[in-house]
């Protein structure tokens, strides 16, 4: 396997390699401004014809006067400089990230792009890239991190599963329009019990079992598999906080459930909810004890 991309440190003269540190070329190179995910960033361009670093599948739309061509960015972490080959940007006045084509959110459940330990180098790179997407899509990162929505909490080592990149925008929308406003309204820390669930993992944690073996496909239509859904629990999971979170989510659903095509579920009994589910971008619907709390906050009950 090829070595991952060298990352040019923001303020230093060293390149951080996954296999160790390597000094940057003595030549100053040149800088040009590009736009990465909607933000102008300096692109340090060095002449390195022999570099065989792994290339990303993020596509950049490059405008050369009236012409448009495509090229690929090398993989990089959450930094503001992009290392490119000098020849790639010769004559370029502006480069803009082209957002991936939207995936079919009603289609086949996507398999994970990568599964691994949170401390693995490849997972760290992907999480850093996801953070860039979330930030560019308007997610308030003071309230959430990509690691929280990709951790498989029911695996022994809390493995991390990264969905295909096109689906990252679906979670960005759920976080920006659903989770962050809900978290602010609740006013207390919230734990993410489930974010992304790859199909096989989803089956394992939701199927009906007999003799320890799954006897059905579980919740095969769960929006967790399309990276649209979150299961939430108060960090201080007292009975009072559990009920409060369900009520706050119910009030939010009444106000925004329609425009957001929001799903809202409450697991467990009304006096001791086991968790709150939200998703966006699919269809407005409720299940579990959700209607009980909707009636509570709307004054019906």
C-alpha atoms as a PDB file:
ATOM      1  CA  UNK A   1       0.000   0.000   0.000  1.00  0.00           C
ATOM      2  CA  UNK A   2       1.236   3.474  -0.850  1.00  0.00           C
ATOM      3  CA  UNK A   3       2.343   5.822   1.891  1.00  0.00           C
ATOM      4  CA  UNK A   4      -0.329   8.379   2.885  1.00  0.00           C
ATOM      5  CA  UNK A   5       0.061  12.006   1.870  1.00  0.00           C
ATOM      6  CA  UNK A   6       2.678  14.236   3.458  1.00  0.00           C
ATOM      7  CA  UNK A   7       1.004  17.100   5.266  1.00  0.00           C
ATOM      8  CA  UNK A   8       2.600  20.512   5.118  1.00  0.00           C
ATOM      9  CA  UNK A   9       2.527  21.983   8.589  1.00  0.00           C
ATOM     10  CA  UNK A  10       1.022  25.459   8.792  1.00  0.00           C
ATOM     11  CA  UNK A  11       3.823  27.310  10.489  1.00  0.00           C
ATOM     12  CA  UNK A  12       6.811  25.052  10.063  1.00  0.00           C
ATOM     13  CA  UNK A  13       9.337  23.985   7.509  1.00  0.00           C
ATOM     14  CA  UNK A  14       8.818  20.247   7.973  1.00  0.00           C
ATOM     15  CA  UNK A  15       6.575  17.798   6.212  1.00  0.00           C
ATOM     16  CA  UNK A  16       4.878  15.302   8.479  1.00  0.00           C
ATOM     17  CA  UNK A  17       5.052  11.870   6.913  1.00  0.00           C
ATOM     18  CA  UNK A  18       3.142   8.883   8.193  1.00  0.00           C
ATOM     19  CA  UNK A  19       6.424   6.988   8.355  1.00  0.00           C
ATOM     20  CA  UNK A  20       8.415   9.765  10.064  1.00  0.00           C
ATOM     21  CA  UNK A  21       9.401  13.423   9.568  1.00  0.00           C
ATOM     22  CA  UNK A  22      11.051  14.752   6.478  1.00  0.00           C
ATOM     23  CA  UNK A  23      12.445  18.236   5.899  1.00  0.00           C
ATOM     24  CA  UNK A  24      10.759  20.370   3.278  1.00  0.00           C
ATOM     25  CA  UNK A  25      12.649  21.226   0.094  1.00  0.00           C
ATOM     26  CA  UNK A  26      14.995  24.173   0.441  1.00  0.00           C
ATOM     27  CA  UNK A  27      13.407  25.933  -2.508  1.00  0.00           C
ATOM     28  CA  UNK A  28      10.657  28.300  -1.473  1.00  0.00           C
ATOM     29  CA  UNK A  29       8.241  27.036  -4.087  1.00  0.00           C
ATOM     30  CA  UNK A  30       5.278  29.260  -4.805  1.00  0.00           C
ATOM     31  CA  UNK A  31       1.901  29.987  -3.283  1.00  0.00           C
ATOM     32  CA  UNK A  32      -1.438  30.454  -4.956  1.00  0.00           C
ATOM     33  CA  UNK A  33      -4.866  30.872  -3.445  1.00  0.00           C
ATOM     34  CA  UNK A  34      -7.421  28.157  -4.037  1.00  0.00           C
ATOM     35  CA  UNK A  35     -10.870  27.672  -2.581  1.00  0.00           C
ATOM     36  CA  UNK A  36     -11.244  24.514  -0.505  1.00  0.00           C
ATOM     37  CA  UNK A  37     -14.827  23.695   0.524  1.00  0.00           C
ATOM     38  CA  UNK A  38     -15.884  27.281   0.053  1.00  0.00           C
ATOM     39  CA  UNK A  39     -12.941  28.831   1.912  1.00  0.00           C
ATOM     40  CA  UNK A  40      -9.936  30.495   0.336  1.00  0.00           C
ATOM     41  CA  UNK A  41      -6.742  28.804   1.492  1.00  0.00           C
ATOM     42  CA  UNK A  42      -3.108  29.141   0.390  1.00  0.00           C
ATOM     43  CA  UNK A  43      -1.886  26.217  -1.699  1.00  0.00           C
ATOM     44  CA  UNK A  44       1.845  25.702  -1.275  1.00  0.00           C
ATOM     45  CA  UNK A  45       3.113  24.314  -4.550  1.00  0.00           C
ATOM     46  CA  UNK A  46       6.356  22.368  -4.613  1.00  0.00           C
ATOM     47  CA  UNK A  47       8.084  20.688  -7.507  1.00  0.00           C
ATOM     48  CA  UNK A  48       8.110  17.004  -6.559  1.00  0.00           C
ATOM     49  CA  UNK A  49       7.809  14.901  -9.675  1.00  0.00           C
ATOM     50  CA  UNK A  50       8.824  11.672  -7.909  1.00  0.00           C
ATOM     51  CA  UNK A  51       6.180  11.797  -5.192  1.00  0.00           C
ATOM     52  CA  UNK A  52       4.017   8.657  -5.374  1.00  0.00           C
ATOM     53  CA  UNK A  53       1.726   9.548  -2.450  1.00  0.00           C
ATOM     54  CA  UNK A  54      -1.771   8.144  -2.489  1.00  0.00           C
ATOM     55  CA  UNK A  55      -4.269  10.423  -4.210  1.00  0.00           C
ATOM     56  CA  UNK A  56      -7.685  11.373  -2.885  1.00  0.00           C
ATOM     57  CA  UNK A  57     -10.971  10.871  -4.665  1.00  0.00           C
ATOM     58  CA  UNK A  58     -11.960  14.449  -3.897  1.00  0.00           C
ATOM     59  CA  UNK A  59     -12.195  16.210  -7.261  1.00  0.00           C
ATOM     60  CA  UNK A  60     -11.236  19.829  -7.721  1.00  0.00           C
ATOM     61  CA  UNK A  61     -12.809  21.903 -10.464  1.00  0.00           C
ATOM     62  CA  UNK A  62     -10.013  24.010 -11.871  1.00  0.00           C
ATOM     63  CA  UNK A  63     -10.856  27.104 -13.923  1.00  0.00           C
ATOM     64  CA  UNK A  64      -8.239  28.183 -16.464  1.00  0.00           C
ATOM     65  CA  UNK A  65      -9.701  31.358 -17.937  1.00  0.00           C
ATOM     66  CA  UNK A  66     -12.639  29.979 -19.941  1.00  0.00           C
ATOM     67  CA  UNK A  67     -11.568  26.327 -19.758  1.00  0.00           C
ATOM     68  CA  UNK A  68     -12.546  23.871 -17.019  1.00  0.00           C
ATOM     69  CA  UNK A  69     -10.641  20.704 -16.208  1.00  0.00           C
ATOM     70  CA  UNK A  70     -10.547  18.285 -13.272  1.00  0.00           C
ATOM     71  CA  UNK A  71      -7.713  16.999 -11.152  1.00  0.00           C
ATOM     72  CA  UNK A  72      -7.288  15.267  -7.813  1.00  0.00           C
ATOM     73  CA  UNK A  73      -6.065  16.612  -4.502  1.00  0.00           C
ATOM     74  CA  UNK A  74      -3.742  14.495  -2.421  1.00  0.00           C
ATOM     75  CA  UNK A  75      -5.047  13.329   0.922  1.00  0.00           C
ATOM     76  CA  UNK A  76      -4.441  15.696   3.795  1.00  0.00           C
ATOM     77  CA  UNK A  77      -5.549  16.377   7.330  1.00  0.00           C
ATOM     78  CA  UNK A  78      -7.305  19.334   8.929  1.00  0.00           C
ATOM     79  CA  UNK A  79      -4.807  21.947   7.807  1.00  0.00           C
ATOM     80  CA  UNK A  80      -5.079  25.044   5.686  1.00  0.00           C
ATOM     81  CA  UNK A  81      -2.342  24.286   3.167  1.00  0.00           C
ATOM     82  CA  UNK A  82      -2.586  21.813   0.338  1.00  0.00           C
ATOM     83  CA  UNK A  83       0.611  20.310  -1.114  1.00  0.00           C
ATOM     84  CA  UNK A  84       0.378  19.946  -4.876  1.00  0.00           C
ATOM     85  CA  UNK A  85       2.689  19.307  -7.781  1.00  0.00           C
ATOM     86  CA  UNK A  86       3.794  22.589  -9.372  1.00  0.00           C
ATOM     87  CA  UNK A  87       2.680  21.478 -12.810  1.00  0.00           C
ATOM     88  CA  UNK A  88      -0.855  20.806 -11.627  1.00  0.00           C
ATOM     89  CA  UNK A  89      -1.543  24.472 -10.887  1.00  0.00           C
ATOM     90  CA  UNK A  90       0.458  26.195 -13.617  1.00  0.00           C
ATOM     91  CA  UNK A  91      -1.623  29.115 -14.896  1.00  0.00           C
ATOM     92  CA  UNK A  92      -4.486  28.452 -12.529  1.00  0.00           C
ATOM     93  CA  UNK A  93      -6.191  31.544 -11.163  1.00  0.00           C
ATOM     94  CA  UNK A  94      -8.770  29.833  -8.975  1.00  0.00           C
ATOM     95  CA  UNK A  95      -9.589  26.259  -7.974  1.00  0.00           C
ATOM     96  CA  UNK A  96     -12.877  25.248  -6.361  1.00  0.00           C
ATOM     97  CA  UNK A  97     -13.821  21.959  -4.706  1.00  0.00           C
ATOM     98  CA  UNK A  98     -16.635  20.327  -6.636  1.00  0.00           C
ATOM     99  CA  UNK A  99     -19.074  18.787  -4.205  1.00  0.00           C
ATOM    100  CA  UNK A 100     -19.614  15.051  -4.809  1.00  0.00           C
ATOM    101  CA  UNK A 101     -22.768  14.091  -6.686  1.00  0.00           C
ATOM    102  CA  UNK A 102     -25.537  13.389  -4.136  1.00  0.00           C
ATOM    103  CA  UNK A 103     -25.896   9.651  -3.492  1.00  0.00           C
ATOM    104  CA  UNK A 104     -29.225   7.866  -3.843  1.00  0.00           C
ATOM    105  CA  UNK A 105     -30.556   8.147  -0.298  1.00  0.00           C
ATOM    106  CA  UNK A 106     -33.352   5.712  -1.163  1.00  0.00           C
ATOM    107  CA  UNK A 107     -31.019   3.244  -2.839  1.00  0.00           C
ATOM    108  CA  UNK A 108     -28.808   0.426  -1.669  1.00  0.00           C
ATOM    109  CA  UNK A 109     -27.367   0.734   1.831  1.00  0.00           C
ATOM    110  CA  UNK A 110     -23.760   1.894   1.483  1.00  0.00           C
ATOM    111  CA  UNK A 111     -20.944  -0.242   2.814  1.00  0.00           C
ATOM    112  CA  UNK A 112     -18.357   1.503   4.979  1.00  0.00           C
ATOM    113  CA  UNK A 113     -15.510   3.211   3.168  1.00  0.00           C
ATOM    114  CA  UNK A 114     -13.172   2.315   6.028  1.00  0.00           C
ATOM    115  CA  UNK A 115     -13.437   0.609   9.441  1.00  0.00           C
ATOM    116  CA  UNK A 116     -10.628   0.809  11.963  1.00  0.00           C
ATOM    117  CA  UNK A 117      -9.353   2.020  15.307  1.00  0.00           C
ATOM    118  CA  UNK A 118      -9.804   5.700  16.149  1.00  0.00           C
ATOM    119  CA  UNK A 119      -6.032   6.060  16.523  1.00  0.00           C
ATOM    120  CA  UNK A 120      -5.139   4.560  13.146  1.00  0.00           C
ATOM    121  CA  UNK A 121      -3.486   7.009  10.780  1.00  0.00           C
ATOM    122  CA  UNK A 122      -5.916   6.458   7.908  1.00  0.00           C
ATOM    123  CA  UNK A 123      -8.961   6.893  10.153  1.00  0.00           C
ATOM    124  CA  UNK A 124      -7.475  10.091  11.585  1.00  0.00           C
ATOM    125  CA  UNK A 125      -6.999  11.484   8.077  1.00  0.00           C
ATOM    126  CA  UNK A 126     -10.577  10.677   7.092  1.00  0.00           C
ATOM    127  CA  UNK A 127     -11.976  12.168  10.300  1.00  0.00           C
ATOM    128  CA  UNK A 128      -9.964  15.326   9.687  1.00  0.00           C
ATOM    129  CA  UNK A 129     -11.319  15.535   6.158  1.00  0.00           C
ATOM    130  CA  UNK A 130     -14.869  14.978   7.451  1.00  0.00           C
ATOM    131  CA  UNK A 131     -14.384  17.797   9.945  1.00  0.00           C
ATOM    132  CA  UNK A 132     -13.517  20.114   7.056  1.00  0.00           C
ATOM    133  CA  UNK A 133     -16.753  19.133   5.307  1.00  0.00           C
ATOM    134  CA  UNK A 134     -18.847  19.633   8.448  1.00  0.00           C
ATOM    135  CA  UNK A 135     -17.306  23.039   9.076  1.00  0.00           C
ATOM    136  CA  UNK A 136     -17.850  24.137   5.479  1.00  0.00           C
ATOM    137  CA  UNK A 137     -21.484  22.983   5.670  1.00  0.00           C
ATOM    138  CA  UNK A 138     -22.105  25.194   8.701  1.00  0.00           C
ATOM    139  CA  UNK A 139     -21.945  22.665  11.547  1.00  0.00           C
ATOM    140  CA  UNK A 140     -20.990  24.246  14.884  1.00  0.00           C
ATOM    141  CA  UNK A 141     -18.052  22.060  15.869  1.00  0.00           C
ATOM    142  CA  UNK A 142     -18.171  23.345  19.449  1.00  0.00           C
ATOM    143  CA  UNK A 143     -20.969  20.827  19.998  1.00  0.00           C
ATOM    144  CA  UNK A 144     -19.945  17.767  17.985  1.00  0.00           C
ATOM    145  CA  UNK A 145     -16.980  15.958  16.420  1.00  0.00           C
ATOM    146  CA  UNK A 146     -16.839  13.502  13.495  1.00  0.00           C
ATOM    147  CA  UNK A 147     -15.529  10.818  15.872  1.00  0.00           C
ATOM    148  CA  UNK A 148     -18.762  10.942  17.876  1.00  0.00           C
ATOM    149  CA  UNK A 149     -20.942  10.176  14.849  1.00  0.00           C
ATOM    150  CA  UNK A 150     -18.738   7.403  13.423  1.00  0.00           C
ATOM    151  CA  UNK A 151     -17.909   5.347  16.531  1.00  0.00           C
ATOM    152  CA  UNK A 152     -19.510   1.895  16.685  1.00  0.00           C
ATOM    153  CA  UNK A 153     -20.336   2.019  20.389  1.00  0.00           C
ATOM    154  CA  UNK A 154     -21.365  -1.635  20.655  1.00  0.00           C
ATOM    155  CA  UNK A 155     -18.062  -3.039  19.404  1.00  0.00           C
ATOM    156  CA  UNK A 156     -15.585  -4.160  22.110  1.00  0.00           C
ATOM    157  CA  UNK A 157     -12.911  -1.650  21.040  1.00  0.00           C
ATOM    158  CA  UNK A 158     -15.305   1.099  19.898  1.00  0.00           C
ATOM    159  CA  UNK A 159     -14.208   0.796  16.277  1.00  0.00           C
ATOM    160  CA  UNK A 160     -14.771   3.693  13.898  1.00  0.00           C
ATOM    161  CA  UNK A 161     -16.658   3.252  10.609  1.00  0.00           C
ATOM    162  CA  UNK A 162     -16.373   5.901   7.903  1.00  0.00           C
ATOM    163  CA  UNK A 163     -19.192   5.995   5.322  1.00  0.00           C
ATOM    164  CA  UNK A 164     -18.569   6.906   1.657  1.00  0.00           C
ATOM    165  CA  UNK A 165     -17.802  10.606   1.288  1.00  0.00           C
ATOM    166  CA  UNK A 166     -20.995  11.533  -0.551  1.00  0.00           C
ATOM    167  CA  UNK A 167     -22.989  10.673   2.567  1.00  0.00           C
ATOM    168  CA  UNK A 168     -21.021  13.044   4.795  1.00  0.00           C
ATOM    169  CA  UNK A 169     -23.233  15.899   3.634  1.00  0.00           C
ATOM    170  CA  UNK A 170     -26.357  14.087   4.875  1.00  0.00           C
ATOM    171  CA  UNK A 171     -24.922  13.913   8.394  1.00  0.00           C
ATOM    172  CA  UNK A 172     -23.766  17.521   8.147  1.00  0.00           C
ATOM    173  CA  UNK A 173     -27.391  18.502   7.507  1.00  0.00           C
ATOM    174  CA  UNK A 174     -28.675  16.416  10.430  1.00  0.00           C
ATOM    175  CA  UNK A 175     -26.075  17.961  12.733  1.00  0.00           C
ATOM    176  CA  UNK A 176     -26.505  21.539  11.521  1.00  0.00           C
ATOM    177  CA  UNK A 177     -30.304  21.582  11.304  1.00  0.00           C
ATOM    178  CA  UNK A 178     -31.220  19.003  13.933  1.00  0.00           C
ATOM    179  CA  UNK A 179     -28.662  18.104  16.559  1.00  0.00           C
ATOM    180  CA  UNK A 180     -26.976  21.461  17.224  1.00  0.00           C
ATOM    181  CA  UNK A 181     -30.245  23.432  17.647  1.00  0.00           C
ATOM    182  CA  UNK A 182     -31.580  20.623  19.856  1.00  0.00           C
ATOM    183  CA  UNK A 183     -28.385  20.582  21.931  1.00  0.00           C
ATOM    184  CA  UNK A 184     -28.574  24.355  22.424  1.00  0.00           C
ATOM    185  CA  UNK A 185     -32.230  24.151  23.454  1.00  0.00           C
ATOM    186  CA  UNK A 186     -31.498  21.319  25.900  1.00  0.00           C
ATOM    187  CA  UNK A 187     -28.610  23.289  27.379  1.00  0.00           C
ATOM    188  CA  UNK A 188     -26.691  20.268  28.664  1.00  0.00           C
ATOM    189  CA  UNK A 189     -24.170  17.804  27.179  1.00  0.00           C
ATOM    190  CA  UNK A 190     -25.636  15.023  25.030  1.00  0.00           C
ATOM    191  CA  UNK A 191     -23.999  11.684  24.235  1.00  0.00           C
ATOM    192  CA  UNK A 192     -24.261  10.170  20.740  1.00  0.00           C
ATOM    193  CA  UNK A 193     -25.082   6.493  21.212  1.00  0.00           C
ATOM    194  CA  UNK A 194     -25.352   5.786  17.490  1.00  0.00           C
ATOM    195  CA  UNK A 195     -24.432   7.693  14.368  1.00  0.00           C
ATOM    196  CA  UNK A 196     -23.336   5.799  11.269  1.00  0.00           C
ATOM    197  CA  UNK A 197     -24.051   2.062  11.245  1.00  0.00           C
ATOM    198  CA  UNK A 198     -22.773  -0.019   8.303  1.00  0.00           C
ATOM    199  CA  UNK A 199     -25.358  -2.591   7.103  1.00  0.00           C
ATOM    200  CA  UNK A 200     -23.791  -5.673   8.727  1.00  0.00           C
ATOM    201  CA  UNK A 201     -23.233  -3.897  12.031  1.00  0.00           C
ATOM    202  CA  UNK A 202     -26.774  -2.513  11.880  1.00  0.00           C
ATOM    203  CA  UNK A 203     -28.121  -6.039  11.507  1.00  0.00           C
ATOM    204  CA  UNK A 204     -26.056  -7.308  14.425  1.00  0.00           C
ATOM    205  CA  UNK A 205     -27.294  -4.632  16.832  1.00  0.00           C
ATOM    206  CA  UNK A 206     -30.954  -4.503  15.750  1.00  0.00           C
ATOM    207  CA  UNK A 207     -31.901  -8.065  14.764  1.00  0.00           C
ATOM    208  CA  UNK A 208     -34.145 -10.415  16.714  1.00  0.00           C
ATOM    209  CA  UNK A 209     -32.094 -13.267  18.124  1.00  0.00           C
ATOM    210  CA  UNK A 210     -32.742 -16.903  18.858  1.00  0.00           C
ATOM    211  CA  UNK A 211     -30.040 -18.964  20.507  1.00  0.00           C
ATOM    212  CA  UNK A 212     -27.653 -16.060  20.090  1.00  0.00           C
ATOM    213  CA  UNK A 213     -28.115 -15.939  16.314  1.00  0.00           C
ATOM    214  CA  UNK A 214     -29.908 -13.294  14.245  1.00  0.00           C
ATOM    215  CA  UNK A 215     -33.159 -14.635  12.813  1.00  0.00           C
ATOM    216  CA  UNK A 216     -34.113 -11.529  10.804  1.00  0.00           C
ATOM    217  CA  UNK A 217     -32.522  -8.515   9.125  1.00  0.00           C
ATOM    218  CA  UNK A 218     -33.228  -6.143  12.003  1.00  0.00           C
ATOM    219  CA  UNK A 219     -34.183  -2.573  11.104  1.00  0.00           C
ATOM    220  CA  UNK A 220     -33.035  -2.861   7.506  1.00  0.00           C
ATOM    221  CA  UNK A 221     -34.439   0.587   6.682  1.00  0.00           C
ATOM    222  CA  UNK A 222     -32.649   2.397   9.511  1.00  0.00           C
ATOM    223  CA  UNK A 223     -31.422   5.816   8.395  1.00  0.00           C
ATOM    224  CA  UNK A 224     -28.268   5.250  10.452  1.00  0.00           C
ATOM    225  CA  UNK A 225     -27.020   3.252   7.464  1.00  0.00           C
ATOM    226  CA  UNK A 226     -27.271   6.307   5.211  1.00  0.00           C
ATOM    227  CA  UNK A 227     -25.490   8.530   7.768  1.00  0.00           C
ATOM    228  CA  UNK A 228     -28.601  10.602   8.441  1.00  0.00           C
ATOM    229  CA  UNK A 229     -29.535   9.539  11.969  1.00  0.00           C
ATOM    230  CA  UNK A 230     -28.474   9.955  15.598  1.00  0.00           C
ATOM    231  CA  UNK A 231     -29.467   8.232  18.835  1.00  0.00           C
ATOM    232  CA  UNK A 232     -29.119  10.587  21.792  1.00  0.00           C
ATOM    233  CA  UNK A 233     -28.937  10.361  25.565  1.00  0.00           C
ATOM    234  CA  UNK A 234     -28.145  13.043  28.153  1.00  0.00           C
ATOM    235  CA  UNK A 235     -24.585  12.805  29.447  1.00  0.00           C
ATOM    236  CA  UNK A 236     -26.064  13.046  32.933  1.00  0.00           C
ATOM    237  CA  UNK A 237     -28.685  10.385  32.286  1.00  0.00           C
ATOM    238  CA  UNK A 238     -30.934  10.905  35.282  1.00  0.00           C
ATOM    239  CA  UNK A 239     -34.648  10.112  34.838  1.00  0.00           C
ATOM    240  CA  UNK A 240     -35.381  13.859  34.904  1.00  0.00           C
ATOM    241  CA  UNK A 241     -32.850  14.636  32.162  1.00  0.00           C
ATOM    242  CA  UNK A 242     -34.043  11.750  30.017  1.00  0.00           C
ATOM    243  CA  UNK A 243     -37.607  13.057  30.156  1.00  0.00           C
ATOM    244  CA  UNK A 244     -36.437  16.637  29.571  1.00  0.00           C
ATOM    245  CA  UNK A 245     -34.477  15.687  26.455  1.00  0.00           C
ATOM    246  CA  UNK A 246     -37.508  13.849  25.054  1.00  0.00           C
ATOM    247  CA  UNK A 247     -39.691  16.907  25.683  1.00  0.00           C
ATOM    248  CA  UNK A 248     -37.213  19.313  24.127  1.00  0.00           C
ATOM    249  CA  UNK A 249     -36.901  17.033  21.086  1.00  0.00           C
ATOM    250  CA  UNK A 250     -40.707  16.804  20.823  1.00  0.00           C
ATOM    251  CA  UNK A 251     -41.036  20.589  20.863  1.00  0.00           C
ATOM    252  CA  UNK A 252     -38.329  20.851  18.215  1.00  0.00           C
ATOM    253  CA  UNK A 253     -40.101  18.224  16.102  1.00  0.00           C
ATOM    254  CA  UNK A 254     -43.385  20.153  16.281  1.00  0.00           C
ATOM    255  CA  UNK A 255     -41.638  23.279  15.050  1.00  0.00           C
ATOM    256  CA  UNK A 256     -39.194  21.871  12.487  1.00  0.00           C
ATOM    257  CA  UNK A 257     -40.243  18.281  11.767  1.00  0.00           C
ATOM    258  CA  UNK A 258     -42.045  19.117   8.541  1.00  0.00           C
ATOM    259  CA  UNK A 259     -39.465  21.370   6.866  1.00  0.00           C
ATOM    260  CA  UNK A 260     -36.636  19.016   7.832  1.00  0.00           C
ATOM    261  CA  UNK A 261     -38.439  15.789   6.812  1.00  0.00           C
ATOM    262  CA  UNK A 262     -37.519  14.681  10.315  1.00  0.00           C
ATOM    263  CA  UNK A 263     -37.845  11.321  11.999  1.00  0.00           C
ATOM    264  CA  UNK A 264     -38.358  11.408  15.781  1.00  0.00           C
ATOM    265  CA  UNK A 265     -38.443   8.368  18.030  1.00  0.00           C
ATOM    266  CA  UNK A 266     -38.286   7.837  21.784  1.00  0.00           C
ATOM    267  CA  UNK A 267     -37.255   4.417  23.032  1.00  0.00           C
ATOM    268  CA  UNK A 268     -38.451   2.981  26.352  1.00  0.00           C
ATOM    269  CA  UNK A 269     -41.247   4.021  28.684  1.00  0.00           C
ATOM    270  CA  UNK A 270     -42.287   7.677  28.982  1.00  0.00           C
ATOM    271  CA  UNK A 271     -41.172   7.886  32.614  1.00  0.00           C
ATOM    272  CA  UNK A 272     -37.685   6.547  31.801  1.00  0.00           C
ATOM    273  CA  UNK A 273     -36.747   7.007  28.102  1.00  0.00           C
ATOM    274  CA  UNK A 274     -33.853   4.846  26.911  1.00  0.00           C
ATOM    275  CA  UNK A 275     -32.891   7.292  24.192  1.00  0.00           C
ATOM    276  CA  UNK A 276     -34.056   9.767  21.572  1.00  0.00           C
ATOM    277  CA  UNK A 277     -33.662   9.230  17.825  1.00  0.00           C
ATOM    278  CA  UNK A 278     -33.555  12.012  15.242  1.00  0.00           C
ATOM    279  CA  UNK A 279     -32.886  11.982  11.509  1.00  0.00           C
ATOM    280  CA  UNK A 280     -33.448  14.492   8.728  1.00  0.00           C
ATOM    281  CA  UNK A 281     -33.891  14.488   4.979  1.00  0.00           C
ATOM    282  CA  UNK A 282     -36.035  11.360   4.683  1.00  0.00           C
ATOM    283  CA  UNK A 283     -39.647  11.758   5.838  1.00  0.00           C
ATOM    284  CA  UNK A 284     -41.588  13.184   8.770  1.00  0.00           C
ATOM    285  CA  UNK A 285     -42.578  10.325  11.085  1.00  0.00           C
ATOM    286  CA  UNK A 286     -42.669   9.270  14.744  1.00  0.00           C
ATOM    287  CA  UNK A 287     -42.458   6.013  16.702  1.00  0.00           C
ATOM    288  CA  UNK A 288     -42.047   4.625  20.189  1.00  0.00           C
ATOM    289  CA  UNK A 289     -43.076   7.075  22.911  1.00  0.00           C
ATOM    290  CA  UNK A 290     -42.553  10.097  20.658  1.00  0.00           C
ATOM    291  CA  UNK A 291     -46.263  10.876  20.290  1.00  0.00           C
ATOM    292  CA  UNK A 292     -46.677  10.818  24.078  1.00  0.00           C
ATOM    293  CA  UNK A 293     -44.102  13.611  24.464  1.00  0.00           C
ATOM    294  CA  UNK A 294     -45.495  15.509  21.459  1.00  0.00           C
ATOM    295  CA  UNK A 295     -48.881  15.517  23.173  1.00  0.00           C
ATOM    296  CA  UNK A 296     -47.256  16.603  26.420  1.00  0.00           C
ATOM    297  CA  UNK A 297     -45.558  19.667  24.968  1.00  0.00           C
ATOM    298  CA  UNK A 298     -48.498  20.591  22.733  1.00  0.00           C
ATOM    299  CA  UNK A 299     -50.941  20.509  25.636  1.00  0.00           C
ATOM    300  CA  UNK A 300     -53.045  17.659  24.228  1.00  0.00           C
ATOM    301  CA  UNK A 301     -52.321  15.271  27.100  1.00  0.00           C
END
